[in-house]
C-alpha cells in the first residue's frame, strides 16, 4: 500500500499550456482560436457560395410564372440589402450567365438563345438586386457621413480649443510682462512719494489709498494671469464686489446714486462678474472723461434679463485719457458672446451706457448656438459630399442596368443584321427555284429556332428587319426546300412563330 500512497499525481500537459514568450509555436488555446476563425471564414464563404448558386439557378428559370417571378424579385432585393450582398449577387449573376449559356447551347442547340433568355432574367433578378444594393449603400453612406460629420465636429472644436488656449497663454504672457511691469513701476513711484516729507499729510494719505488700490489691482492681475496659464476659469469678482466697487469709487470722490439694483444672490443669476464689469467700465469712463460729475445707475430686473442704465453728465473740460479706447468695444464683444447687449449713446449733455444681461440658462443656450454655428459649415460640406456619393451610386446602378440591356439589344441587332433578307430578294424567290441559285440570294446566316418552336425540316428563317423598334421586328421570311428546290416561301409574323 506504500506504493499507492506515494504515487505522484500526473497532470496532462495540455491543461497547463501557456503562451511561449519570444515567439515560437502557438499554444493550444492559440491554435484553437485560429481554427475557430478559419472555421468561421469557411462557413461564411460556404454561405456566400450557396446563396450565389441558389440565386443564379432561381433567376435562370425559363419563362417563370407569377409566383416564381415574385419570389425571384424578393430574393434579389433581400440579397442586395445583405451586408455580403455584392459578392453573393455578382456570383449569382455569374451563375445565371453560365446556366443560361449551358441550356442555350446543349438543350436548345444554339448559344444565341441567350439573347432571348438574358434580358427577362436580368429584369427579374438583376434589377431588383441592384435596387436593394443601391438602397443599402445609400443607408450605409448616410450613416458613415453622420459618423464622419461628428468626428469632424469634434476635431473642429478641438482646433478651436487649441487656438483659444494659445491665445490665452499669449495674453497671460503679455499681461505678466508688460502690464505687470508697468504697474510695479507705478507702485514704486507711489511708495517713494508717500514718504516724501515735502508733501502735506493729506497728499500722503491720498497716495496711501492709491497705492493700496494699486496693490489690490496687481493682486487681481496676478490671479488672472495664473488662471489664464493654468486654463482654469478666471475667478470672477462676484456679485458681492459690486458693493465694494461702489464703495471704492465713492471713497475716491465719485458721486454715485443707485436705484433698483437686485440683491447679490439675485445678481448671480445674471453672472455677477458681468454686472461688475459693466459698472466698473462705466464708472471708469465717467471718472476719466468727466471727473466730478454725478453718476446715476438704474437697474431693472425683468426676470429673464437684467437691464442696466448708467448716465453721467458731460464734463466741461474732459480729462486727457491716454488709452486706446477699446474698453467698451471689448466689453460689448464679451456681452454678445454671452447673449447680452451693450449700447453707448452720447447726447449734448450726457453720456448713457445701457446693458442687457440674460440669465445663465439663456447664456448656456447662446453658447450651444455658437457651437452649432462653428460646425455648421462642416455639416453642410459633409452633407453635400454624402448626397453626391448617394447620387453616384444610384446613377451607377442605373448605368449598369442600361449597359446590360444595351449589350443584349446590340447582340440581337447583330444577329438580325447577319440574317437580314430584303423584301426585294424575298419577292424574287419563287416555288420551284433551284436551291443552288436561291442560296446565292439568301444571307450567310439564318435565325435560330425559338424555344418550343416546331420548325419544319429543311426550312430556314431570315429577319425581315434588323431594327428592334420596327413594327416588323420579330417577323421572319421562311424559305423551305425539298429535293434541291424551293418548296415554299412564307412571311410569318413574330407572334405566330
Protein backbone atom coordinates (compact mmCIF):
# COMPACT_ATOMS: atom_id res chain seq x y z
CA UNK A 1 0.00 0.00 0.00
CA UNK A 2 3.02 2.22 0.43
CA UNK A 3 3.33 2.36 -3.31
CA UNK A 4 -0.21 3.67 -3.64
CA UNK A 5 0.28 6.44 -1.12
CA UNK A 6 3.49 7.61 -2.75
CA UNK A 7 2.22 7.64 -6.32
CA UNK A 8 2.62 11.13 -7.84
CA UNK A 9 -0.35 12.87 -9.43
CA UNK A 10 0.06 13.17 -13.20
CA UNK A 11 -1.39 16.35 -14.76
CA UNK A 12 -1.81 16.39 -18.54
CA UNK A 13 0.43 18.90 -20.25
CA UNK A 14 -2.48 20.26 -22.32
CA UNK A 15 -4.17 21.59 -19.19
CA UNK A 16 -1.16 23.66 -18.33
CA UNK A 17 -0.39 25.10 -21.75
CA UNK A 18 0.76 28.71 -21.59
CA UNK A 19 1.86 31.22 -24.21
CA UNK A 20 5.52 30.96 -25.13
CA UNK A 21 7.38 34.24 -24.76
CA UNK A 22 9.61 35.46 -27.53
CA UNK A 23 7.66 33.72 -30.28
CA UNK A 24 7.52 30.05 -31.15
CA UNK A 25 4.75 27.70 -31.97
CA UNK A 26 1.28 28.76 -30.84
CA UNK A 27 -0.12 27.25 -27.68
CA UNK A 28 -3.17 25.01 -27.58
CA UNK A 29 -5.60 27.92 -26.92
CA UNK A 30 -3.95 29.89 -29.73
CA UNK A 31 -4.38 27.06 -32.20
CA UNK A 32 -7.99 26.64 -31.13
CA UNK A 33 -8.71 30.33 -31.71
CA UNK A 34 -7.06 30.19 -35.13
CA UNK A 35 -9.02 27.09 -36.06
CA UNK A 36 -12.23 28.73 -34.87
CA UNK A 37 -11.50 31.78 -37.03
CA UNK A 38 -10.77 29.57 -40.04
CA UNK A 39 -13.98 27.65 -39.47
CA UNK A 40 -15.95 30.89 -39.33
CA UNK A 41 -14.40 32.15 -42.56
CA UNK A 42 -15.08 28.83 -44.25
CA UNK A 43 -18.68 28.88 -43.06
CA UNK A 44 -19.15 32.42 -44.38
CA UNK A 45 -17.68 31.52 -47.75
CA UNK A 46 -19.87 28.44 -47.92
CA UNK A 47 -22.97 30.51 -47.18
CA UNK A 48 -21.95 33.07 -49.82
CA UNK A 49 -21.35 30.34 -52.40
CA UNK A 50 -24.64 28.56 -51.69
CA UNK A 51 -26.51 31.88 -51.80
CA UNK A 52 -24.93 32.77 -55.15
CA UNK A 53 -25.73 29.36 -56.65
CA UNK A 54 -29.30 29.41 -55.40
CA UNK A 55 -29.82 32.96 -56.63
CA UNK A 56 -28.40 32.17 -60.07
CA UNK A 57 -30.42 28.99 -60.51
CA UNK A 58 -33.61 30.70 -59.34
CA UNK A 59 -33.05 33.61 -61.73
CA UNK A 60 -32.31 31.34 -64.71
CA UNK A 61 -35.69 29.59 -64.63
CA UNK A 62 -37.09 29.87 -68.20
CA UNK A 63 -40.49 31.52 -68.57
CA UNK A 64 -41.35 31.50 -64.85
CA UNK A 65 -44.87 32.04 -63.58
CA UNK A 66 -46.05 34.97 -61.48
CA UNK A 67 -45.20 33.30 -58.17
CA UNK A 68 -41.70 32.34 -59.29
CA UNK A 69 -41.07 35.83 -60.68
CA UNK A 70 -42.17 37.47 -57.40
CA UNK A 71 -40.05 35.03 -55.40
CA UNK A 72 -37.02 35.83 -57.56
CA UNK A 73 -37.52 39.58 -57.13
CA UNK A 74 -37.93 39.33 -53.35
CA UNK A 75 -34.84 37.13 -53.05
CA UNK A 76 -32.85 39.53 -55.22
CA UNK A 77 -33.81 42.56 -53.10
CA UNK A 78 -33.00 40.67 -49.89
CA UNK A 79 -29.57 39.71 -51.21
CA UNK A 80 -28.93 43.32 -52.25
CA UNK A 81 -29.77 44.54 -48.74
CA UNK A 82 -27.49 41.91 -47.19
CA UNK A 83 -24.09 43.04 -45.90
CA UNK A 84 -22.38 40.48 -48.16
CA UNK A 85 -24.86 41.09 -50.95
CA UNK A 86 -22.41 42.47 -53.55
CA UNK A 87 -20.32 39.29 -53.61
CA UNK A 88 -23.31 36.95 -53.48
CA UNK A 89 -25.21 38.95 -56.09
CA UNK A 90 -22.32 39.07 -58.55
CA UNK A 91 -21.76 35.37 -58.04
CA UNK A 92 -25.44 34.72 -58.67
CA UNK A 93 -25.38 36.73 -61.90
CA UNK A 94 -22.31 34.77 -62.99
CA UNK A 95 -24.19 31.54 -62.29
CA UNK A 96 -27.14 32.94 -64.26
CA UNK A 97 -24.93 33.56 -67.30
CA UNK A 98 -23.31 30.12 -67.09
CA UNK A 99 -26.63 28.29 -66.69
CA UNK A 100 -28.25 30.29 -69.49
CA UNK A 101 -25.34 29.65 -71.85
CA UNK A 102 -25.28 25.94 -71.00
CA UNK A 103 -29.01 25.49 -71.53
CA UNK A 104 -28.98 27.50 -74.76
CA UNK A 105 -26.02 25.55 -76.13
CA UNK A 106 -26.79 21.99 -75.10
CA UNK A 107 -30.55 21.88 -74.66
CA UNK A 108 -31.76 24.42 -77.20
CA UNK A 109 -28.96 23.87 -79.70
CA UNK A 110 -27.65 27.44 -80.17
CA UNK A 111 -25.89 29.92 -77.89
CA UNK A 112 -27.80 32.82 -79.44
CA UNK A 113 -30.81 31.81 -77.36
CA UNK A 114 -29.07 33.67 -74.55
CA UNK A 115 -30.28 36.86 -76.22
CA UNK A 116 -33.84 35.70 -75.59
CA UNK A 117 -33.29 34.49 -72.04
CA UNK A 118 -30.94 37.02 -70.55
CA UNK A 119 -32.99 40.27 -70.76
CA UNK A 120 -36.04 38.84 -68.92
CA UNK A 121 -33.78 37.12 -66.37
CA UNK A 122 -31.84 40.33 -65.83
CA UNK A 123 -35.07 42.25 -65.32
CA UNK A 124 -36.39 39.63 -62.88
CA UNK A 125 -33.22 39.23 -60.81
CA UNK A 126 -30.53 41.75 -61.71
CA UNK A 127 -32.60 44.92 -61.44
CA UNK A 128 -34.15 44.07 -58.03
CA UNK A 129 -30.71 43.07 -56.74
CA UNK A 130 -29.21 46.37 -57.89
CA UNK A 131 -32.10 48.26 -56.31
CA UNK A 132 -31.54 46.50 -52.98
CA UNK A 133 -27.80 47.11 -53.25
CA UNK A 134 -28.33 50.80 -54.02
CA UNK A 135 -30.71 51.22 -51.08
CA UNK A 136 -28.24 49.55 -48.72
CA UNK A 137 -25.34 51.66 -49.97
CA UNK A 138 -27.49 54.76 -49.64
CA UNK A 139 -28.19 53.92 -45.99
CA UNK A 140 -24.59 52.92 -45.25
CA UNK A 141 -23.22 56.11 -46.76
CA UNK A 142 -25.69 58.16 -44.76
CA UNK A 143 -24.60 56.54 -41.51
CA UNK A 144 -20.94 56.85 -42.44
CA UNK A 145 -21.43 60.52 -43.26
CA UNK A 146 -23.05 61.06 -39.86
CA UNK A 147 -20.06 59.48 -38.13
CA UNK A 148 -17.60 61.47 -40.24
CA UNK A 149 -19.53 64.67 -39.55
CA UNK A 150 -19.45 64.01 -35.80
CA UNK A 151 -15.72 63.30 -35.99
CA UNK A 152 -15.05 66.49 -37.93
CA UNK A 153 -17.11 68.45 -35.42
CA UNK A 154 -15.02 67.05 -32.58
CA UNK A 155 -11.82 67.84 -34.48
CA UNK A 156 -13.06 71.34 -35.28
CA UNK A 157 -13.95 72.03 -31.66
CA UNK A 158 -10.57 70.64 -30.59
CA UNK A 159 -8.82 73.00 -33.03
CA UNK A 160 -10.83 75.95 -31.72
CA UNK A 161 -9.99 74.96 -28.16
CA UNK A 162 -6.30 74.64 -29.01
CA UNK A 163 -6.33 78.03 -30.70
CA UNK A 164 -8.10 79.58 -27.72
CA UNK A 165 -5.50 78.01 -25.41
CA UNK A 166 -2.66 79.51 -27.45
CA UNK A 167 -4.33 82.93 -27.41
CA UNK A 168 -4.92 82.63 -23.68
CA UNK A 169 -1.28 81.80 -22.98
CA UNK A 170 -0.12 84.67 -25.19
CA UNK A 171 -2.43 87.06 -23.36
CA UNK A 172 -1.22 85.84 -19.97
CA UNK A 173 2.41 86.34 -21.00
CA UNK A 174 1.66 89.82 -22.32
CA UNK A 175 -0.15 90.81 -19.12
CA UNK A 176 2.68 89.48 -16.99
CA UNK A 177 5.49 91.11 -18.97
CA UNK A 178 4.01 94.46 -19.98
CA UNK A 179 1.17 95.45 -17.68
CA UNK A 180 2.66 93.81 -14.60
CA UNK A 181 5.97 95.59 -15.10
CA UNK A 182 4.27 98.96 -15.65
CA UNK A 183 2.11 98.59 -12.53
CA UNK A 184 5.14 97.64 -10.49
CA UNK A 185 6.89 100.86 -11.55
CA UNK A 186 3.80 102.89 -10.68
CA UNK A 187 3.63 101.27 -7.24
CA UNK A 188 7.33 102.04 -6.72
CA UNK A 189 6.83 105.72 -7.57
CA UNK A 190 3.77 105.96 -5.31
CA UNK A 191 5.75 104.44 -2.45
CA UNK A 192 8.54 106.94 -2.97
CA UNK A 193 6.12 109.89 -2.97
CA UNK A 194 4.32 108.53 0.10
CA UNK A 195 7.42 109.01 2.25
CA UNK A 196 8.36 112.37 0.73
CA UNK A 197 8.38 114.83 3.69
CA UNK A 198 7.84 117.76 1.36
CA UNK A 199 4.25 116.68 0.66
CA UNK A 200 1.41 117.60 3.02
CA UNK A 201 -0.25 114.94 5.16
CA UNK A 202 -3.46 114.91 3.07
CA UNK A 203 -1.50 114.24 -0.10
CA UNK A 204 0.44 111.39 1.53
CA UNK A 205 -2.88 109.89 2.74
CA UNK A 206 -4.30 110.01 -0.80
CA UNK A 207 -1.13 108.40 -2.10
CA UNK A 208 -1.50 105.65 0.51
CA UNK A 209 -5.05 104.90 -0.66
CA UNK A 210 -3.93 104.96 -4.28
CA UNK A 211 -1.07 102.55 -3.54
CA UNK A 212 -3.45 100.20 -1.72
CA UNK A 213 -5.84 100.23 -4.67
CA UNK A 214 -2.95 99.59 -7.00
CA UNK A 215 -1.75 96.70 -4.85
CA UNK A 216 -5.24 95.21 -4.97
CA UNK A 217 -5.29 95.59 -8.76
CA UNK A 218 -1.87 93.94 -9.07
CA UNK A 219 -3.07 91.07 -6.89
CA UNK A 220 -6.13 90.60 -9.08
CA UNK A 221 -3.93 90.76 -12.17
CA UNK A 222 -1.66 88.07 -10.75
CA UNK A 223 -4.62 85.80 -10.04
CA UNK A 224 -5.98 86.34 -13.53
CA UNK A 225 -2.62 85.57 -15.13
CA UNK A 226 -2.32 82.37 -13.09
CA UNK A 227 -5.81 81.28 -14.11
CA UNK A 228 -5.10 82.04 -17.76
CA UNK A 229 -1.91 80.00 -17.72
CA UNK A 230 -3.47 77.01 -15.98
CA UNK A 231 -6.55 77.00 -18.18
CA UNK A 232 -8.90 77.32 -15.22
CA UNK A 233 -11.78 79.79 -15.49
CA UNK A 234 -10.81 83.25 -14.33
CA UNK A 235 -12.20 83.77 -10.85
CA UNK A 236 -14.90 86.42 -11.01
CA UNK A 237 -15.03 89.35 -8.64
CA UNK A 238 -18.50 88.13 -7.67
CA UNK A 239 -21.79 89.91 -7.11
CA UNK A 240 -20.76 90.98 -3.61
CA UNK A 241 -17.87 93.01 -5.08
CA UNK A 242 -20.39 95.38 -6.66
CA UNK A 243 -20.78 97.00 -3.26
CA UNK A 244 -17.01 97.06 -2.83
CA UNK A 245 -16.63 98.66 -6.26
CA UNK A 246 -19.15 101.36 -5.43
CA UNK A 247 -17.52 101.94 -2.03
CA UNK A 248 -14.05 102.37 -3.53
CA UNK A 249 -15.37 104.72 -6.21
CA UNK A 250 -17.18 106.85 -3.64
CA UNK A 251 -14.09 106.91 -1.44
CA UNK A 252 -12.15 108.23 -4.43
CA UNK A 253 -14.62 111.11 -4.75
CA UNK A 254 -17.16 109.81 -7.26
CA UNK A 255 -20.78 110.86 -6.68
CA UNK A 256 -22.86 107.76 -7.42
CA UNK A 257 -26.58 107.09 -6.98
CA UNK A 258 -28.03 103.58 -7.41
CA UNK A 259 -31.67 102.59 -8.00
CA UNK A 260 -33.25 99.15 -8.43
CA UNK A 261 -30.09 97.05 -8.18
CA UNK A 262 -31.05 93.47 -7.12
CA UNK A 263 -29.65 91.64 -4.12
CA UNK A 264 -26.23 89.97 -4.51
CA UNK A 265 -27.77 86.48 -4.65
CA UNK A 266 -30.06 87.53 -7.49
CA UNK A 267 -27.14 89.11 -9.35
CA UNK A 268 -25.52 85.68 -9.52
CA UNK A 269 -28.33 84.56 -11.87
CA UNK A 270 -27.13 87.15 -14.39
CA UNK A 271 -23.43 86.50 -13.82
CA UNK A 272 -22.29 88.76 -11.00
CA UNK A 273 -18.88 89.31 -12.58
CA UNK A 274 -20.50 90.65 -15.76
CA UNK A 275 -22.57 93.14 -13.77
CA UNK A 276 -19.40 94.28 -12.01
CA UNK A 277 -17.55 94.62 -15.33
CA UNK A 278 -20.27 96.84 -16.79
CA UNK A 279 -20.41 99.11 -13.71
CA UNK A 280 -16.63 99.27 -13.47
CA UNK A 281 -16.25 100.27 -17.11
CA UNK A 282 -18.98 102.92 -16.82
CA UNK A 283 -17.53 104.44 -13.62
CA UNK A 284 -14.01 104.39 -15.08
CA UNK A 285 -15.11 106.20 -18.25
CA UNK A 286 -17.10 108.78 -16.28
CA UNK A 287 -14.20 109.44 -13.91
CA UNK A 288 -11.75 109.71 -16.80
CA UNK A 289 -13.74 111.88 -19.22
CA UNK A 290 -15.99 113.83 -16.81
CA UNK A 291 -14.39 113.81 -13.36
CA UNK A 292 -16.58 115.12 -10.56
CA UNK A 293 -19.89 114.78 -12.42
CA UNK A 294 -22.73 112.74 -10.84
CA UNK A 295 -23.15 109.13 -11.96
CA UNK A 296 -26.69 107.70 -11.94
CA UNK A 297 -27.09 103.90 -12.02
CA UNK A 298 -30.55 102.46 -12.73
CA UNK A 299 -31.22 98.70 -12.77
CA UNK A 300 -34.38 96.76 -13.73
CA UNK A 301 -34.83 93.03 -13.10
CA UNK A 302 -37.40 91.80 -15.66
CA UNK A 303 -36.99 88.10 -14.92
CA UNK A 304 -35.20 86.74 -17.97
CA UNK A 305 -32.70 89.58 -18.12
CA UNK A 306 -31.20 92.45 -16.15
CA UNK A 307 -31.25 95.91 -17.70
CA UNK A 308 -28.66 98.45 -16.59
CA UNK A 309 -28.51 102.14 -17.42
CA UNK A 310 -25.54 104.28 -16.31
CA UNK A 311 -25.74 108.00 -17.06
CA UNK A 312 -23.33 110.84 -16.30
CA UNK A 313 -23.19 114.47 -17.34
CA UNK A 314 -20.52 115.57 -19.77
CA UNK A 315 -17.60 117.44 -18.25
CA UNK A 316 -16.72 120.91 -19.41
CA UNK A 317 -13.07 120.00 -19.87
CA UNK A 318 -12.65 116.26 -20.31
CA UNK A 319 -9.51 114.84 -18.80
CA UNK A 320 -6.76 113.65 -21.08
CA UNK A 321 -7.04 109.88 -21.34
CA UNK A 322 -4.06 108.02 -22.67
CA UNK A 323 -5.99 104.95 -23.75
CA UNK A 324 -6.75 103.14 -26.95
CA UNK A 325 -10.49 103.39 -26.27
CA UNK A 326 -11.12 99.69 -26.63
CA UNK A 327 -12.75 99.11 -23.22
CA UNK A 328 -16.34 99.48 -24.38
CA UNK A 329 -15.83 97.54 -27.60
CA UNK A 330 -14.19 94.68 -25.71
CA UNK A 331 -16.98 94.67 -23.13
CA UNK A 332 -19.58 94.68 -25.91
CA UNK A 333 -17.94 91.64 -27.53
CA UNK A 334 -17.92 89.79 -24.21
CA UNK A 335 -21.59 90.50 -23.55
CA UNK A 336 -22.61 89.49 -27.08
CA UNK A 337 -20.68 86.25 -26.70
CA UNK A 338 -22.83 85.51 -23.63
CA UNK A 339 -26.11 86.58 -25.24
CA UNK A 340 -26.17 90.12 -23.84
CA UNK A 341 -26.18 93.60 -25.34
CA UNK A 342 -24.30 96.85 -24.78
CA UNK A 343 -25.05 100.27 -26.24
CA UNK A 344 -23.36 103.64 -25.67
CA UNK A 345 -25.07 106.93 -26.52
CA UNK A 346 -23.72 110.45 -26.23
CA UNK A 347 -26.14 113.39 -26.17
CA UNK A 348 -25.50 117.10 -25.90
CA UNK A 349 -25.50 116.98 -22.10
CA UNK A 350 -24.91 113.38 -21.00
CA UNK A 351 -23.28 110.07 -21.76
CA UNK A 352 -25.55 107.00 -21.39
CA UNK A 353 -24.37 103.39 -21.24
CA UNK A 354 -27.09 100.71 -21.50
CA UNK A 355 -26.56 96.99 -20.96
CA UNK A 356 -28.76 93.89 -21.07
CA UNK A 357 -27.57 90.73 -19.31
CA UNK A 358 -29.50 87.46 -19.74
CA UNK A 359 -29.79 84.74 -17.14
CA UNK A 360 -27.18 81.99 -17.11
CA UNK A 361 -29.64 79.47 -18.63
CA UNK A 362 -30.07 81.70 -21.68
CA UNK A 363 -26.32 82.17 -21.72
CA UNK A 364 -25.80 78.41 -21.96
CA UNK A 365 -28.28 78.28 -24.83
CA UNK A 366 -26.30 81.00 -26.58
CA UNK A 367 -23.08 79.02 -26.15
CA UNK A 368 -24.79 76.00 -27.71
CA UNK A 369 -25.90 78.13 -30.64
CA UNK A 370 -22.33 79.35 -31.10
CA UNK A 371 -21.04 75.78 -31.09
CA UNK A 372 -23.62 74.81 -33.69
CA UNK A 373 -22.67 77.84 -35.79
CA UNK A 374 -18.98 76.94 -35.54
CA UNK A 375 -19.61 73.49 -37.04
CA UNK A 376 -22.41 74.37 -39.45
CA UNK A 377 -20.03 74.76 -42.37
CA UNK A 378 -18.64 71.28 -41.64
CA UNK A 379 -22.16 69.83 -41.59
CA UNK A 380 -23.09 71.46 -44.90
CA UNK A 381 -19.94 70.27 -46.68
CA UNK A 382 -20.30 66.73 -45.29
CA UNK A 383 -23.97 66.60 -46.28
CA UNK A 384 -23.10 67.75 -49.78
CA UNK A 385 -20.46 65.04 -50.20
CA UNK A 386 -22.85 62.39 -48.88
CA UNK A 387 -25.59 63.39 -51.31
CA UNK A 388 -23.07 63.35 -54.15
CA UNK A 389 -21.96 59.81 -53.26
CA UNK A 390 -25.55 58.63 -52.97
CA UNK A 391 -26.41 60.11 -56.36
CA UNK A 392 -23.34 58.47 -57.88
CA UNK A 393 -24.45 55.09 -56.53
CA UNK A 394 -27.95 55.48 -57.93
CA UNK A 395 -26.54 56.68 -61.25
CA UNK A 396 -24.08 53.78 -61.36
CA UNK A 397 -26.88 51.32 -60.66
CA UNK A 398 -28.97 52.72 -63.47
CA UNK A 399 -25.92 52.71 -65.76
CA UNK A 400 -25.24 49.02 -65.08
CA UNK A 401 -28.83 48.11 -65.93
CA UNK A 402 -28.83 50.24 -69.07
CA UNK A 403 -25.45 48.89 -70.23
CA UNK A 404 -26.56 45.29 -69.69
CA UNK A 405 -29.78 45.72 -71.61
CA UNK A 406 -27.98 47.69 -74.30
CA UNK A 407 -25.45 44.87 -74.72
CA UNK A 408 -28.25 42.33 -75.17
CA UNK A 409 -30.01 44.67 -77.57
CA UNK A 410 -26.80 45.10 -79.56
CA UNK A 411 -26.37 41.32 -79.73
CA UNK A 412 -29.91 40.95 -81.03
CA UNK A 413 -29.36 43.65 -83.66
CA UNK A 414 -26.14 41.98 -84.82
CA UNK A 415 -27.89 38.62 -85.05
CA UNK A 416 -30.78 40.07 -87.07
CA UNK A 417 -28.45 42.00 -89.33
CA UNK A 418 -26.47 38.86 -90.20
CA UNK A 419 -29.72 37.04 -91.08
CA UNK A 420 -31.39 40.00 -92.82
CA UNK A 421 -33.23 39.27 -96.08
CA UNK A 422 -34.52 42.23 -98.03
CA UNK A 423 -38.09 42.39 -99.25
CA UNK A 424 -36.90 42.58 -102.87
CA UNK A 425 -34.76 39.47 -102.52
CA UNK A 426 -37.64 37.59 -100.88
CA UNK A 427 -40.07 38.57 -103.65
CA UNK A 428 -37.62 37.28 -106.27
CA UNK A 429 -37.72 33.77 -104.80
CA UNK A 430 -40.44 31.52 -106.15
CA UNK A 431 -41.51 27.95 -105.55
CA UNK A 432 -39.58 25.61 -107.82
CA UNK A 433 -36.40 27.69 -107.97
CA UNK A 434 -33.20 25.72 -107.78
CA UNK A 435 -31.64 25.52 -104.37
CA UNK A 436 -28.20 26.48 -105.56
CA UNK A 437 -29.49 29.64 -107.27
CA UNK A 438 -31.65 30.57 -104.27
CA UNK A 439 -28.83 30.15 -101.75
CA UNK A 440 -26.83 32.77 -103.64
CA UNK A 441 -29.58 35.27 -102.77
CA UNK A 442 -30.01 34.23 -99.14
CA UNK A 443 -27.85 35.65 -96.30
CA UNK A 444 -24.97 33.58 -94.98
CA UNK A 445 -26.68 33.15 -91.59
CA UNK A 446 -30.21 32.32 -90.50
CA UNK A 447 -32.22 32.92 -87.35
CA UNK A 448 -32.19 30.05 -84.84
CA UNK A 449 -35.49 28.48 -83.92
CA UNK A 450 -37.18 29.81 -80.83
CA UNK A 451 -37.51 27.63 -77.76
CA UNK A 452 -40.55 25.36 -78.28
CA UNK A 453 -40.89 26.24 -81.94
CA UNK A 454 -41.76 23.35 -84.29
CA UNK A 455 -39.93 24.35 -87.44
CA UNK A 456 -40.40 22.01 -90.44
CA UNK A 457 -37.39 20.15 -91.74
CA UNK A 458 -35.12 22.00 -94.15
CA UNK A 459 -36.91 25.31 -93.50
CA UNK A 460 -34.88 28.43 -92.78
CA UNK A 461 -35.96 31.73 -91.19
CA UNK A 462 -34.49 35.13 -92.08
CA UNK A 463 -35.02 38.50 -90.42
CA UNK A 464 -37.38 40.97 -92.05
CA UNK A 465 -35.71 43.93 -90.29
CA UNK A 466 -32.71 44.47 -88.01
CA UNK A 467 -34.39 47.39 -86.22
CA UNK A 468 -35.85 46.09 -82.96
CA UNK A 469 -38.12 49.13 -82.71
CA UNK A 470 -39.70 48.49 -86.12
CA UNK A 471 -43.25 47.13 -86.26
CA UNK A 472 -41.90 44.16 -88.24
CA UNK A 473 -39.32 43.30 -85.57
CA UNK A 474 -39.58 39.57 -84.84
CA UNK A 475 -41.21 38.79 -88.19
CA UNK A 476 -39.37 36.36 -90.47
CA UNK A 477 -39.21 35.18 -94.05
CA UNK A 478 -39.34 31.38 -94.15
CA UNK A 479 -37.82 29.54 -97.11
CA UNK A 480 -38.30 25.76 -97.29
CA UNK A 481 -36.53 23.32 -99.63
CA UNK A 482 -37.40 19.86 -100.89
CA UNK A 483 -35.43 17.83 -103.42
CA UNK A 484 -32.95 20.68 -104.08
CA UNK A 485 -35.60 23.21 -104.98
CA UNK A 486 -37.77 25.77 -103.18
CA UNK A 487 -40.89 24.11 -101.86
CA UNK A 488 -42.49 27.13 -100.12
CA UNK A 489 -41.96 30.79 -99.21
CA UNK A 490 -43.83 32.35 -96.33
CA UNK A 491 -43.97 35.61 -94.37
CA UNK A 492 -44.56 34.78 -90.67
CA UNK A 493 -45.39 37.36 -88.02
CA UNK A 494 -43.41 37.17 -84.80
CA UNK A 495 -46.40 36.20 -82.69
CA UNK A 496 -47.16 33.20 -84.91
CA UNK A 497 -43.73 31.58 -84.68
